[in-house]
Amino acid sequence: MINYKKHKKGIDMGKKQPDPEKMKILRSLPLDIKQSLTKEEVDAFLYEDVWPDSLREKLKDYLVD
């Protein structure tokens, strides 16, 4: 049987829960920003500590140093 929940990096995304605060932030972004994010960028935002440059660029106006 094929496990469709497997992420391409081998992480079972069905078992790993995103940080509720990150989910809240993602939902609060303007619609045009959310629509511009790729699935990989959303996954990086929710699950990774290091983001791709493309995600940092799209969110630069919302990041706090």
N, C-alpha and C. Protein backbone atom coordinates (compact mmCIF):
# COMPACT_ATOMS: atom_id res chain seq x y z
N MET A 1 0.84 -1.18 0.00
CA MET A 1 0.00 0.00 0.00
C MET A 1 0.89 1.25 0.00
N ILE A 2 0.49 2.26 -0.73
CA ILE A 2 1.25 3.50 -0.85
C ILE A 2 0.83 4.46 0.25
N ASN A 3 1.82 5.05 0.91
CA ASN A 3 1.56 6.04 1.96
C ASN A 3 1.62 7.43 1.33
N TYR A 4 0.47 8.02 1.04
CA TYR A 4 0.42 9.31 0.37
C TYR A 4 0.76 10.47 1.30
N LYS A 5 0.87 10.21 2.60
CA LYS A 5 1.21 11.26 3.55
C LYS A 5 2.71 11.48 3.64
N LYS A 6 3.50 10.66 2.98
CA LYS A 6 4.95 10.81 3.05
C LYS A 6 5.38 12.06 2.30
N HIS A 7 6.17 12.87 2.95
CA HIS A 7 6.74 14.07 2.36
C HIS A 7 7.96 13.63 1.57
N LYS A 8 8.35 14.36 0.54
CA LYS A 8 9.46 13.94 -0.30
C LYS A 8 10.78 13.80 0.45
N LYS A 9 10.91 14.43 1.60
CA LYS A 9 12.13 14.29 2.39
C LYS A 9 12.05 13.09 3.33
N GLY A 10 10.96 12.35 3.29
CA GLY A 10 10.83 11.17 4.12
C GLY A 10 10.19 11.43 5.46
N ILE A 11 9.72 12.62 5.70
CA ILE A 11 9.06 12.96 6.96
C ILE A 11 7.57 12.67 6.80
N ASP A 12 7.01 11.95 7.73
CA ASP A 12 5.58 11.66 7.69
C ASP A 12 4.83 12.88 8.22
N MET A 13 4.35 13.71 7.31
CA MET A 13 3.72 14.97 7.68
C MET A 13 2.39 14.73 8.41
N GLY A 14 1.81 13.54 8.29
CA GLY A 14 0.57 13.24 8.97
C GLY A 14 0.75 13.13 10.48
N LYS A 15 1.96 12.88 10.94
CA LYS A 15 2.23 12.72 12.37
C LYS A 15 2.84 13.96 12.99
N LYS A 16 3.44 14.81 12.22
CA LYS A 16 4.09 16.01 12.74
C LYS A 16 3.09 17.16 12.70
N GLN A 17 2.84 17.76 13.84
CA GLN A 17 1.87 18.85 13.92
C GLN A 17 2.60 20.19 13.88
N PRO A 18 2.06 21.15 13.11
CA PRO A 18 2.69 22.47 13.07
C PRO A 18 2.47 23.23 14.38
N ASP A 19 3.37 24.13 14.64
CA ASP A 19 3.26 25.01 15.81
C ASP A 19 1.99 25.84 15.65
N PRO A 20 1.11 25.84 16.66
CA PRO A 20 -0.14 26.62 16.55
C PRO A 20 0.10 28.11 16.29
N GLU A 21 1.17 28.66 16.84
CA GLU A 21 1.48 30.08 16.61
C GLU A 21 1.84 30.33 15.15
N LYS A 22 2.61 29.41 14.56
CA LYS A 22 2.96 29.56 13.14
C LYS A 22 1.72 29.45 12.26
N MET A 23 0.81 28.55 12.62
CA MET A 23 -0.44 28.42 11.86
C MET A 23 -1.25 29.70 11.95
N LYS A 24 -1.31 30.29 13.14
CA LYS A 24 -2.05 31.53 13.34
C LYS A 24 -1.45 32.65 12.49
N ILE A 25 -0.12 32.73 12.47
CA ILE A 25 0.56 33.75 11.67
C ILE A 25 0.30 33.53 10.19
N LEU A 26 0.41 32.29 9.74
CA LEU A 26 0.17 31.98 8.33
C LEU A 26 -1.24 32.38 7.92
N ARG A 27 -2.20 32.08 8.74
CA ARG A 27 -3.60 32.43 8.43
C ARG A 27 -3.84 33.93 8.43
N SER A 28 -3.04 34.68 9.18
CA SER A 28 -3.25 36.12 9.27
C SER A 28 -2.57 36.91 8.14
N LEU A 29 -1.77 36.24 7.34
CA LEU A 29 -1.11 36.94 6.22
C LEU A 29 -2.14 37.40 5.20
N PRO A 30 -1.84 38.48 4.49
CA PRO A 30 -2.76 38.95 3.43
C PRO A 30 -2.95 37.86 2.36
N LEU A 31 -4.12 37.83 1.78
CA LEU A 31 -4.48 36.81 0.80
C LEU A 31 -3.48 36.73 -0.35
N ASP A 32 -3.04 37.87 -0.86
CA ASP A 32 -2.13 37.85 -2.01
C ASP A 32 -0.79 37.20 -1.64
N ILE A 33 -0.34 37.38 -0.41
CA ILE A 33 0.89 36.74 0.04
C ILE A 33 0.68 35.24 0.16
N LYS A 34 -0.41 34.83 0.80
CA LYS A 34 -0.70 33.41 0.96
C LYS A 34 -0.81 32.71 -0.39
N GLN A 35 -1.44 33.35 -1.34
CA GLN A 35 -1.61 32.74 -2.67
C GLN A 35 -0.29 32.64 -3.43
N SER A 36 0.67 33.46 -3.08
CA SER A 36 1.96 33.42 -3.77
C SER A 36 2.90 32.34 -3.23
N LEU A 37 2.57 31.77 -2.08
CA LEU A 37 3.42 30.76 -1.46
C LEU A 37 3.22 29.40 -2.11
N THR A 38 4.33 28.72 -2.36
CA THR A 38 4.26 27.36 -2.88
C THR A 38 4.05 26.39 -1.72
N LYS A 39 3.71 25.16 -2.04
CA LYS A 39 3.54 24.14 -1.00
C LYS A 39 4.84 23.96 -0.23
N GLU A 40 5.96 23.96 -0.92
CA GLU A 40 7.26 23.80 -0.28
C GLU A 40 7.55 24.95 0.68
N GLU A 41 7.18 26.17 0.29
CA GLU A 41 7.39 27.34 1.16
C GLU A 41 6.50 27.27 2.40
N VAL A 42 5.26 26.84 2.23
CA VAL A 42 4.36 26.71 3.37
C VAL A 42 4.89 25.64 4.32
N ASP A 43 5.33 24.50 3.76
CA ASP A 43 5.90 23.44 4.60
C ASP A 43 7.13 23.94 5.34
N ALA A 44 7.98 24.70 4.67
CA ALA A 44 9.18 25.25 5.31
C ALA A 44 8.78 26.20 6.43
N PHE A 45 7.81 27.05 6.18
CA PHE A 45 7.34 28.00 7.19
C PHE A 45 6.85 27.27 8.44
N LEU A 46 6.08 26.21 8.24
CA LEU A 46 5.47 25.51 9.36
C LEU A 46 6.40 24.52 10.07
N TYR A 47 7.33 23.91 9.32
CA TYR A 47 8.07 22.79 9.88
C TYR A 47 9.59 22.96 9.95
N GLU A 48 10.15 23.91 9.24
CA GLU A 48 11.61 24.02 9.15
C GLU A 48 12.13 25.22 9.95
N ASP A 49 13.37 25.11 10.39
CA ASP A 49 14.02 26.23 11.07
C ASP A 49 14.70 27.17 10.07
N VAL A 50 15.15 26.62 8.95
CA VAL A 50 15.81 27.40 7.91
C VAL A 50 14.86 27.48 6.71
N TRP A 51 14.58 28.71 6.31
CA TRP A 51 13.66 28.93 5.19
C TRP A 51 14.42 29.15 3.89
N PRO A 52 13.79 28.78 2.75
CA PRO A 52 14.39 29.11 1.46
C PRO A 52 14.38 30.63 1.23
N ASP A 53 15.31 31.09 0.43
CA ASP A 53 15.41 32.53 0.14
C ASP A 53 14.11 33.08 -0.44
N SER A 54 13.43 32.27 -1.26
CA SER A 54 12.18 32.74 -1.88
C SER A 54 11.12 33.05 -0.82
N LEU A 55 11.06 32.25 0.24
CA LEU A 55 10.09 32.49 1.30
C LEU A 55 10.48 33.72 2.10
N ARG A 56 11.75 33.86 2.42
CA ARG A 56 12.21 35.05 3.16
C ARG A 56 11.91 36.32 2.36
N GLU A 57 12.09 36.27 1.05
CA GLU A 57 11.83 37.43 0.19
C GLU A 57 10.33 37.79 0.21
N LYS A 58 9.47 36.79 0.11
CA LYS A 58 8.03 37.06 0.09
C LYS A 58 7.52 37.60 1.43
N LEU A 59 8.18 37.21 2.52
CA LEU A 59 7.73 37.63 3.85
C LEU A 59 8.57 38.73 4.46
N LYS A 60 9.46 39.32 3.68
CA LYS A 60 10.40 40.32 4.22
C LYS A 60 9.72 41.49 4.93
N ASP A 61 8.54 41.88 4.46
CA ASP A 61 7.84 43.01 5.08
C ASP A 61 7.17 42.63 6.40
N TYR A 62 7.15 41.33 6.72
CA TYR A 62 6.49 40.85 7.92
C TYR A 62 7.45 40.26 8.94
N LEU A 63 8.72 40.20 8.60
CA LEU A 63 9.72 39.62 9.50
C LEU A 63 10.27 40.66 10.46
N VAL A 64 10.55 40.22 11.66
CA VAL A 64 11.17 41.08 12.67
C VAL A 64 12.53 40.50 12.96
N ASP A 65 13.56 41.36 12.88
CA ASP A 65 14.92 40.88 13.15
C ASP A 65 15.19 40.76 14.62
